[in-house]
Amino acid sequence: MRSAGSGGERALGQRPPAAAANFALDAIPAKRPDFARSHRLIVPDARAQGRSTDRPGPLTYHDMAEDMVALLDTLGVPRVDVMGWSDGGDIGLDLAIHHPDRIVHLVTFGANASPDGLQPADRAWNASATADSFGVGMEQGWKALNPEPGHYREAMEKIITLWRTLPRFTHAELAGIRARTLICAGEHDLILPEHTALLAATIPHAELWIVPGASHGAMIERPDLVNPRVLAFLAKGPQP
């Protein structure tokens, strides 16, 4: 099971702005004070998540990435640092692939390049999951925030389909990323460790960091480790 939460956060944030893309509303608050000292933070909800409405048709990471580009254009922000957790990391990868001139630094936590990058138990969950599989708490949280509470079941079914089928980034696409990149995962992440390692090895000059003792929620579980590590990475210059 990936991290679909009551709010889908993509923090786009002045140094350049830093953008964090997440699917859980509780990932960013613990980071805002630390990151706001050096970055302007832009934290939108992804489509069909949090306070953002859905659109007709399936959910794709590329469409959600294009939503982020449209937001940046509206705000007049030419370039950003991107920090993305889970699906947000996949959106960050798509941004770096298709809009290389917009992304300075890319940091991902628990991202994957293909559906087979998940642990077997999580692939099995995806294969049989329905909207009911998320539980009552998810439904209540989502409906409390979203402008279209009656759309809950359809939105969750679309998210499950997204996880079953996407992303499908090619080797050539990942090898063409020009942003300075930090690929992160928890020591006990739902993303296979060899998949995370391959992702980092494929992106030119990418750094790999495994958060000790953490799960897929490393950003929430270990802000004491994550915040200083990511801020030090963002302080580095653009990719040579």
C-alpha atoms as a PDB file:
ATOM      1  CA  MET A   1       0.000   0.000   0.000  1.00  0.00           C
ATOM      2  CA  ARG A   2       1.388   3.406  -0.993  1.00  0.00           C
ATOM      3  CA  SER A   3       0.848   6.551   1.035  1.00  0.00           C
ATOM      4  CA  ALA A   4      -2.473   7.944  -0.085  1.00  0.00           C
ATOM      5  CA  GLY A   5      -3.437  10.460   2.557  1.00  0.00           C
ATOM      6  CA  SER A   6      -6.071  13.008   3.270  1.00  0.00           C
ATOM      7  CA  GLY A   7      -3.980  15.655   1.557  1.00  0.00           C
ATOM      8  CA  GLY A   8      -1.586  15.302  -1.356  1.00  0.00           C
ATOM      9  CA  GLU A   9       1.260  17.704  -0.744  1.00  0.00           C
ATOM     10  CA  ARG A  10       3.745  18.915  -3.269  1.00  0.00           C
ATOM     11  CA  ALA A  11       5.834  21.471  -1.430  1.00  0.00           C
ATOM     12  CA  LEU A  12       7.301  23.819  -3.934  1.00  0.00           C
ATOM     13  CA  GLY A  13       9.728  25.819  -2.420  1.00  0.00           C
ATOM     14  CA  GLN A  14      13.126  31.145  -2.531  1.00  0.00           C
ATOM     15  CA  ARG A  15      16.343  29.824  -3.029  1.00  0.00           C
ATOM     16  CA  PRO A  16      14.912  28.652  -5.569  1.00  0.00           C
ATOM     17  CA  PRO A  17      11.486  27.813  -4.151  1.00  0.00           C
ATOM     18  CA  ALA A  18      11.347  24.306  -2.703  1.00  0.00           C
ATOM     19  CA  ALA A  19       8.682  21.934  -3.874  1.00  0.00           C
ATOM     20  CA  ALA A  20       7.669  18.937  -1.826  1.00  0.00           C
ATOM     21  CA  ALA A  21       5.327  16.434  -3.325  1.00  0.00           C
ATOM     22  CA  ASN A  22       3.587  14.074  -0.947  1.00  0.00           C
ATOM     23  CA  PHE A  23       0.355  12.186  -0.536  1.00  0.00           C
ATOM     24  CA  ALA A  24       0.082  12.692   3.208  1.00  0.00           C
ATOM     25  CA  LEU A  25      -0.920  15.914   4.869  1.00  0.00           C
ATOM     26  CA  ASP A  26       1.082  15.167   8.020  1.00  0.00           C
ATOM     27  CA  ALA A  27       4.470  14.874   6.282  1.00  0.00           C
ATOM     28  CA  ILE A  28       5.132  18.569   5.800  1.00  0.00           C
ATOM     29  CA  PRO A  29       4.189  20.369   9.066  1.00  0.00           C
ATOM     30  CA  ALA A  30       7.195  18.946  10.929  1.00  0.00           C
ATOM     31  CA  LYS A  31       9.412  20.240   8.140  1.00  0.00           C
ATOM     32  CA  ARG A  32       7.961  23.666   7.481  1.00  0.00           C
ATOM     33  CA  PRO A  33       9.864  25.627  10.186  1.00  0.00           C
ATOM     34  CA  ASP A  34      13.228  24.139   9.194  1.00  0.00           C
ATOM     35  CA  PHE A  35      12.699  24.489   5.470  1.00  0.00           C
ATOM     36  CA  ALA A  36      10.973  27.890   5.579  1.00  0.00           C
ATOM     37  CA  ARG A  37      14.162  29.479   6.925  1.00  0.00           C
ATOM     38  CA  SER A  38      15.852  29.022   3.554  1.00  0.00           C
ATOM     39  CA  HIS A  39      13.033  28.365   1.074  1.00  0.00           C
ATOM     40  CA  ARG A  40       9.710  29.751   0.039  1.00  0.00           C
ATOM     41  CA  LEU A  41       7.402  26.750   0.420  1.00  0.00           C
ATOM     42  CA  ILE A  42       4.576  25.989  -1.987  1.00  0.00           C
ATOM     43  CA  VAL A  43       2.475  23.057  -0.774  1.00  0.00           C
ATOM     44  CA  PRO A  44      -0.473  22.199  -3.050  1.00  0.00           C
ATOM     45  CA  ASP A  45      -2.664  19.114  -2.928  1.00  0.00           C
ATOM     46  CA  ALA A  46      -2.489  16.744  -5.894  1.00  0.00           C
ATOM     47  CA  ARG A  47      -5.617  16.207  -7.944  1.00  0.00           C
ATOM     48  CA  ALA A  48      -8.199  14.015  -6.194  1.00  0.00           C
ATOM     49  CA  GLN A  49      -6.322  14.523  -2.904  1.00  0.00           C
ATOM     50  CA  GLY A  50      -6.793  16.882   0.018  1.00  0.00           C
ATOM     51  CA  ARG A  51      -8.564  20.052  -1.108  1.00  0.00           C
ATOM     52  CA  SER A  52      -7.991  19.486  -4.835  1.00  0.00           C
ATOM     53  CA  THR A  53     -10.792  18.213  -7.018  1.00  0.00           C
ATOM     54  CA  ASP A  54     -10.447  15.444  -9.576  1.00  0.00           C
ATOM     55  CA  ARG A  55     -10.816  15.538 -13.350  1.00  0.00           C
ATOM     56  CA  PRO A  56     -12.417  13.043 -15.747  1.00  0.00           C
ATOM     57  CA  GLY A  57     -10.253  10.126 -16.793  1.00  0.00           C
ATOM     58  CA  PRO A  58      -7.557   8.099 -15.066  1.00  0.00           C
ATOM     59  CA  LEU A  59      -4.952   9.510 -12.726  1.00  0.00           C
ATOM     60  CA  THR A  60      -1.399   9.607 -14.067  1.00  0.00           C
ATOM     61  CA  TYR A  61       1.823  10.897 -12.587  1.00  0.00           C
ATOM     62  CA  HIS A  62       2.472  12.879 -15.753  1.00  0.00           C
ATOM     63  CA  ASP A  63      -0.853  14.715 -15.520  1.00  0.00           C
ATOM     64  CA  MET A  64      -0.220  15.509 -11.866  1.00  0.00           C
ATOM     65  CA  ALA A  65       3.256  16.766 -12.737  1.00  0.00           C
ATOM     66  CA  GLU A  66       1.754  18.995 -15.409  1.00  0.00           C
ATOM     67  CA  ASP A  67      -0.643  20.353 -12.765  1.00  0.00           C
ATOM     68  CA  MET A  68       2.428  21.382 -10.764  1.00  0.00           C
ATOM     69  CA  VAL A  69       3.944  23.123 -13.800  1.00  0.00           C
ATOM     70  CA  ALA A  70       0.687  25.011 -14.359  1.00  0.00           C
ATOM     71  CA  LEU A  71       0.767  26.117 -10.716  1.00  0.00           C
ATOM     72  CA  LEU A  72       4.366  27.320 -11.026  1.00  0.00           C
ATOM     73  CA  ASP A  73       3.465  29.246 -14.163  1.00  0.00           C
ATOM     74  CA  THR A  74       0.519  30.866 -12.385  1.00  0.00           C
ATOM     75  CA  LEU A  75       2.772  31.864  -9.477  1.00  0.00           C
ATOM     76  CA  GLY A  76       5.491  33.117 -11.825  1.00  0.00           C
ATOM     77  CA  VAL A  77       8.077  30.703 -10.425  1.00  0.00           C
ATOM     78  CA  PRO A  78      10.593  29.667 -13.121  1.00  0.00           C
ATOM     79  CA  ARG A  79      12.695  27.088 -11.217  1.00  0.00           C
ATOM     80  CA  VAL A  80      12.284  25.060  -8.029  1.00  0.00           C
ATOM     81  CA  ASP A  81      13.805  22.483  -5.772  1.00  0.00           C
ATOM     82  CA  VAL A  82      11.490  19.476  -5.469  1.00  0.00           C
ATOM     83  CA  MET A  83      11.086  17.173  -2.494  1.00  0.00           C
ATOM     84  CA  GLY A  84       8.660  14.330  -3.048  1.00  0.00           C
ATOM     85  CA  TRP A  85       7.491  11.439  -0.888  1.00  0.00           C
ATOM     86  CA  SER A  86       5.986   8.256  -2.342  1.00  0.00           C
ATOM     87  CA  ASP A  87       3.730   9.230  -5.256  1.00  0.00           C
ATOM     88  CA  GLY A  88       5.121  12.733  -4.822  1.00  0.00           C
ATOM     89  CA  GLY A  89       8.553  11.344  -5.574  1.00  0.00           C
ATOM     90  CA  ASP A  90       7.225   9.831  -8.787  1.00  0.00           C
ATOM     91  CA  ILE A  91       5.732  13.195  -9.706  1.00  0.00           C
ATOM     92  CA  GLY A  92       9.113  14.775  -9.006  1.00  0.00           C
ATOM     93  CA  LEU A  93      10.818  12.293 -11.324  1.00  0.00           C
ATOM     94  CA  ASP A  94       8.300  13.099 -14.057  1.00  0.00           C
ATOM     95  CA  LEU A  95       8.940  16.811 -13.592  1.00  0.00           C
ATOM     96  CA  ALA A  96      12.699  16.299 -13.855  1.00  0.00           C
ATOM     97  CA  ILE A  97      12.271  14.207 -17.008  1.00  0.00           C
ATOM     98  CA  HIS A  98       9.850  16.449 -18.877  1.00  0.00           C
ATOM     99  CA  HIS A  99      10.779  19.892 -17.495  1.00  0.00           C
ATOM    100  CA  PRO A 100      14.530  19.726 -16.852  1.00  0.00           C
ATOM    101  CA  ASP A 101      14.936  23.510 -16.981  1.00  0.00           C
ATOM    102  CA  ARG A 102      12.465  23.955 -14.108  1.00  0.00           C
ATOM    103  CA  ILE A 103      14.079  21.632 -11.534  1.00  0.00           C
ATOM    104  CA  VAL A 104      17.328  22.493  -9.717  1.00  0.00           C
ATOM    105  CA  HIS A 105      17.383  19.844  -6.976  1.00  0.00           C
ATOM    106  CA  LEU A 106      15.238  16.707  -6.761  1.00  0.00           C
ATOM    107  CA  VAL A 107      14.810  14.762  -3.521  1.00  0.00           C
ATOM    108  CA  THR A 108      12.632  11.643  -3.476  1.00  0.00           C
ATOM    109  CA  PHE A 109      11.575   9.384  -0.611  1.00  0.00           C
ATOM    110  CA  GLY A 110      10.072   5.989  -1.402  1.00  0.00           C
ATOM    111  CA  ALA A 111       9.744   6.638  -5.137  1.00  0.00           C
ATOM    112  CA  ASN A 112       9.658   3.910  -7.763  1.00  0.00           C
ATOM    113  CA  ALA A 113      10.258   3.715 -11.506  1.00  0.00           C
ATOM    114  CA  SER A 114       7.748   0.919 -12.133  1.00  0.00           C
ATOM    115  CA  PRO A 115       5.026  -1.001 -10.248  1.00  0.00           C
ATOM    116  CA  ASP A 116       7.296  -4.008  -9.803  1.00  0.00           C
ATOM    117  CA  GLY A 117       9.520  -1.902  -7.571  1.00  0.00           C
ATOM    118  CA  LEU A 118       7.196  -2.542  -4.626  1.00  0.00           C
ATOM    119  CA  GLN A 119       7.643  -5.326  -2.096  1.00  0.00           C
ATOM    120  CA  PRO A 120       5.668  -8.508  -2.997  1.00  0.00           C
ATOM    121  CA  ALA A 121       3.183  -7.992  -0.154  1.00  0.00           C
ATOM    122  CA  ASP A 122       2.422  -4.467  -1.335  1.00  0.00           C
ATOM    123  CA  ARG A 123       1.967  -5.592  -4.938  1.00  0.00           C
ATOM    124  CA  ALA A 124      -0.442  -8.229  -3.663  1.00  0.00           C
ATOM    125  CA  TRP A 125      -2.367  -5.590  -1.697  1.00  0.00           C
ATOM    126  CA  ASN A 126      -2.655  -3.444  -4.812  1.00  0.00           C
ATOM    127  CA  ALA A 127      -3.909  -6.378  -6.861  1.00  0.00           C
ATOM    128  CA  SER A 128      -6.949  -6.998  -4.660  1.00  0.00           C
ATOM    129  CA  ALA A 129      -7.573  -3.621  -3.015  1.00  0.00           C
ATOM    130  CA  THR A 130     -10.788  -1.619  -3.282  1.00  0.00           C
ATOM    131  CA  ALA A 131     -11.824   1.748  -1.878  1.00  0.00           C
ATOM    132  CA  ASP A 132     -12.920  -0.046   1.295  1.00  0.00           C
ATOM    133  CA  SER A 133      -9.371  -1.306   1.836  1.00  0.00           C
ATOM    134  CA  PHE A 134      -8.216   2.149   2.922  1.00  0.00           C
ATOM    135  CA  GLY A 135     -10.395   2.023   6.031  1.00  0.00           C
ATOM    136  CA  VAL A 136     -12.863   4.358   7.700  1.00  0.00           C
ATOM    137  CA  GLY A 137     -10.233   6.822   8.895  1.00  0.00           C
ATOM    138  CA  MET A 138      -9.044   7.525   5.379  1.00  0.00           C
ATOM    139  CA  GLU A 139     -12.591   8.059   4.149  1.00  0.00           C
ATOM    140  CA  GLN A 140     -13.463  10.442   6.962  1.00  0.00           C
ATOM    141  CA  GLY A 141     -10.276  12.456   6.536  1.00  0.00           C
ATOM    142  CA  TRP A 142     -10.612  12.705   2.777  1.00  0.00           C
ATOM    143  CA  LYS A 143     -14.275  13.731   2.884  1.00  0.00           C
ATOM    144  CA  ALA A 144     -13.575  16.365   5.548  1.00  0.00           C
ATOM    145  CA  LEU A 145     -11.148  18.151   3.240  1.00  0.00           C
ATOM    146  CA  ASN A 146     -12.243  17.546  -0.317  1.00  0.00           C
ATOM    147  CA  PRO A 147     -14.759  19.860  -2.044  1.00  0.00           C
ATOM    148  CA  GLU A 148     -16.392  16.762  -3.611  1.00  0.00           C
ATOM    149  CA  PRO A 149     -16.951  14.337  -0.710  1.00  0.00           C
ATOM    150  CA  GLY A 150     -19.272  12.190  -2.805  1.00  0.00           C
ATOM    151  CA  HIS A 151     -16.366  11.435  -5.142  1.00  0.00           C
ATOM    152  CA  TYR A 152     -14.428   9.449  -2.531  1.00  0.00           C
ATOM    153  CA  ARG A 153     -14.910   5.919  -3.814  1.00  0.00           C
ATOM    154  CA  GLU A 154     -14.159   6.814  -7.418  1.00  0.00           C
ATOM    155  CA  ALA A 155     -11.058   8.744  -6.375  1.00  0.00           C
ATOM    156  CA  MET A 156      -9.707   5.826  -4.318  1.00  0.00           C
ATOM    157  CA  GLU A 157     -10.361   3.334  -7.107  1.00  0.00           C
ATOM    158  CA  LYS A 158      -8.453   5.601  -9.488  1.00  0.00           C
ATOM    159  CA  ILE A 159      -5.539   5.795  -7.057  1.00  0.00           C
ATOM    160  CA  ILE A 160      -5.394   2.006  -6.765  1.00  0.00           C
ATOM    161  CA  THR A 161      -5.383   1.693 -10.561  1.00  0.00           C
ATOM    162  CA  LEU A 162      -2.575   4.258 -10.679  1.00  0.00           C
ATOM    163  CA  TRP A 163      -0.479   2.165  -8.294  1.00  0.00           C
ATOM    164  CA  ARG A 164      -1.142  -1.038 -10.234  1.00  0.00           C
ATOM    165  CA  THR A 165      -0.109   0.377 -13.591  1.00  0.00           C
ATOM    166  CA  LEU A 166       2.271   3.314 -13.122  1.00  0.00           C
ATOM    167  CA  PRO A 167       4.865   4.730 -13.186  1.00  0.00           C
ATOM    168  CA  ARG A 168       6.774   3.265 -16.115  1.00  0.00           C
ATOM    169  CA  PHE A 169       9.843   5.447 -16.452  1.00  0.00           C
ATOM    170  CA  THR A 170      12.334   4.122 -18.972  1.00  0.00           C
ATOM    171  CA  HIS A 171      16.069   3.787 -18.427  1.00  0.00           C
ATOM    172  CA  ALA A 172      16.637   6.491 -21.052  1.00  0.00           C
ATOM    173  CA  GLU A 173      14.242   8.895 -19.315  1.00  0.00           C
ATOM    174  CA  LEU A 174      15.889   8.440 -15.916  1.00  0.00           C
ATOM    175  CA  ALA A 175      19.380   8.620 -17.414  1.00  0.00           C
ATOM    176  CA  GLY A 176      18.450  11.965 -18.987  1.00  0.00           C
ATOM    177  CA  ILE A 177      17.618  13.692 -15.670  1.00  0.00           C
ATOM    178  CA  ARG A 178      19.850  16.745 -15.197  1.00  0.00           C
ATOM    179  CA  ALA A 179      18.760  17.934 -11.755  1.00  0.00           C
ATOM    180  CA  ARG A 180      21.040  17.305  -8.789  1.00  0.00           C
ATOM    181  CA  THR A 181      19.254  14.324  -7.262  1.00  0.00           C
ATOM    182  CA  LEU A 182      19.042  12.622  -3.872  1.00  0.00           C
ATOM    183  CA  ILE A 183      17.197   9.275  -3.854  1.00  0.00           C
ATOM    184  CA  CYS A 184      16.054   8.229  -0.375  1.00  0.00           C
ATOM    185  CA  ALA A 185      14.106   5.383   1.175  1.00  0.00           C
ATOM    186  CA  GLY A 186      13.548   3.923   4.612  1.00  0.00           C
ATOM    187  CA  GLU A 187      15.578   0.926   5.678  1.00  0.00           C
ATOM    188  CA  HIS A 188      12.300  -1.004   5.828  1.00  0.00           C
ATOM    189  CA  ASP A 189      10.543   0.740   2.943  1.00  0.00           C
ATOM    190  CA  LEU A 190       7.768  -0.777   0.872  1.00  0.00           C
ATOM    191  CA  ILE A 191       9.989  -0.085  -2.146  1.00  0.00           C
ATOM    192  CA  LEU A 192      12.459  -2.902  -2.747  1.00  0.00           C
ATOM    193  CA  PRO A 193      15.983  -1.829  -1.705  1.00  0.00           C
ATOM    194  CA  GLU A 194      17.458  -3.050  -4.989  1.00  0.00           C
ATOM    195  CA  HIS A 195      14.897  -0.991  -6.891  1.00  0.00           C
ATOM    196  CA  THR A 196      15.835   2.156  -4.947  1.00  0.00           C
ATOM    197  CA  ALA A 197      19.519   1.455  -5.569  1.00  0.00           C
ATOM    198  CA  LEU A 198      18.921   0.960  -9.295  1.00  0.00           C
ATOM    199  CA  LEU A 199      16.930   4.188  -9.481  1.00  0.00           C
ATOM    200  CA  ALA A 200      19.836   6.097  -7.937  1.00  0.00           C
ATOM    201  CA  ALA A 201      22.383   4.345 -10.137  1.00  0.00           C
ATOM    202  CA  THR A 202      20.485   5.204 -13.316  1.00  0.00           C
ATOM    203  CA  ILE A 203      20.145   8.954 -12.678  1.00  0.00           C
ATOM    204  CA  PRO A 204      23.475  10.657 -13.454  1.00  0.00           C
ATOM    205  CA  HIS A 205      25.443  11.592 -10.312  1.00  0.00           C
ATOM    206  CA  ALA A 206      22.471  10.852  -8.046  1.00  0.00           C
ATOM    207  CA  GLU A 207      23.157  10.302  -4.352  1.00  0.00           C
ATOM    208  CA  LEU A 208      21.537   7.403  -2.473  1.00  0.00           C
ATOM    209  CA  TRP A 209      20.523   7.632   1.190  1.00  0.00           C
ATOM    210  CA  ILE A 210      18.780   4.913   3.210  1.00  0.00           C
ATOM    211  CA  VAL A 211      17.228   6.271   6.405  1.00  0.00           C
ATOM    212  CA  PRO A 212      18.206   3.859   9.190  1.00  0.00           C
ATOM    213  CA  GLY A 213      15.397   2.126  11.025  1.00  0.00           C
ATOM    214  CA  ALA A 214      12.694   3.929   9.034  1.00  0.00           C
ATOM    215  CA  SER A 215       9.824   2.616   6.930  1.00  0.00           C
ATOM    216  CA  HIS A 216       8.058   4.172   3.947  1.00  0.00           C
ATOM    217  CA  GLY A 217       7.137   7.069   6.255  1.00  0.00           C
ATOM    218  CA  ALA A 218      10.748   8.086   6.906  1.00  0.00           C
ATOM    219  CA  MET A 219       9.929  11.780   6.449  1.00  0.00           C
ATOM    220  CA  ILE A 220       7.429  11.578   9.310  1.00  0.00           C
ATOM    221  CA  GLU A 221       9.279   9.091  11.486  1.00  0.00           C
ATOM    222  CA  ARG A 222      12.756  10.657  11.463  1.00  0.00           C
ATOM    223  CA  PRO A 223      12.598  14.429  10.885  1.00  0.00           C
ATOM    224  CA  ASP A 224      15.660  14.663  13.135  1.00  0.00           C
ATOM    225  CA  LEU A 225      17.631  12.859  10.418  1.00  0.00           C
ATOM    226  CA  VAL A 226      15.710  13.823   7.311  1.00  0.00           C
ATOM    227  CA  ASN A 227      15.504  17.597   7.732  1.00  0.00           C
ATOM    228  CA  PRO A 228      19.231  18.333   8.196  1.00  0.00           C
ATOM    229  CA  ARG A 229      20.246  15.791   5.562  1.00  0.00           C
ATOM    230  CA  VAL A 230      17.933  17.219   2.918  1.00  0.00           C
ATOM    231  CA  LEU A 231      18.738  20.848   3.783  1.00  0.00           C
ATOM    232  CA  ALA A 232      22.457  20.126   3.432  1.00  0.00           C
ATOM    233  CA  PHE A 233      21.775  18.589   0.029  1.00  0.00           C
ATOM    234  CA  LEU A 234      19.681  21.565  -1.106  1.00  0.00           C
ATOM    235  CA  ALA A 235      22.502  23.909  -0.076  1.00  0.00           C
ATOM    236  CA  LYS A 236      24.723  22.387  -2.730  1.00  0.00           C
ATOM    237  CA  GLY A 237      24.946  24.124  -6.090  1.00  0.00           C
ATOM    238  CA  PRO A 238      23.154  22.904  -9.219  1.00  0.00           C
ATOM    239  CA  GLN A 239      24.400  19.825 -11.016  1.00  0.00           C
ATOM    240  CA  PRO A 240      27.763  20.650 -12.671  1.00  0.00           C
END
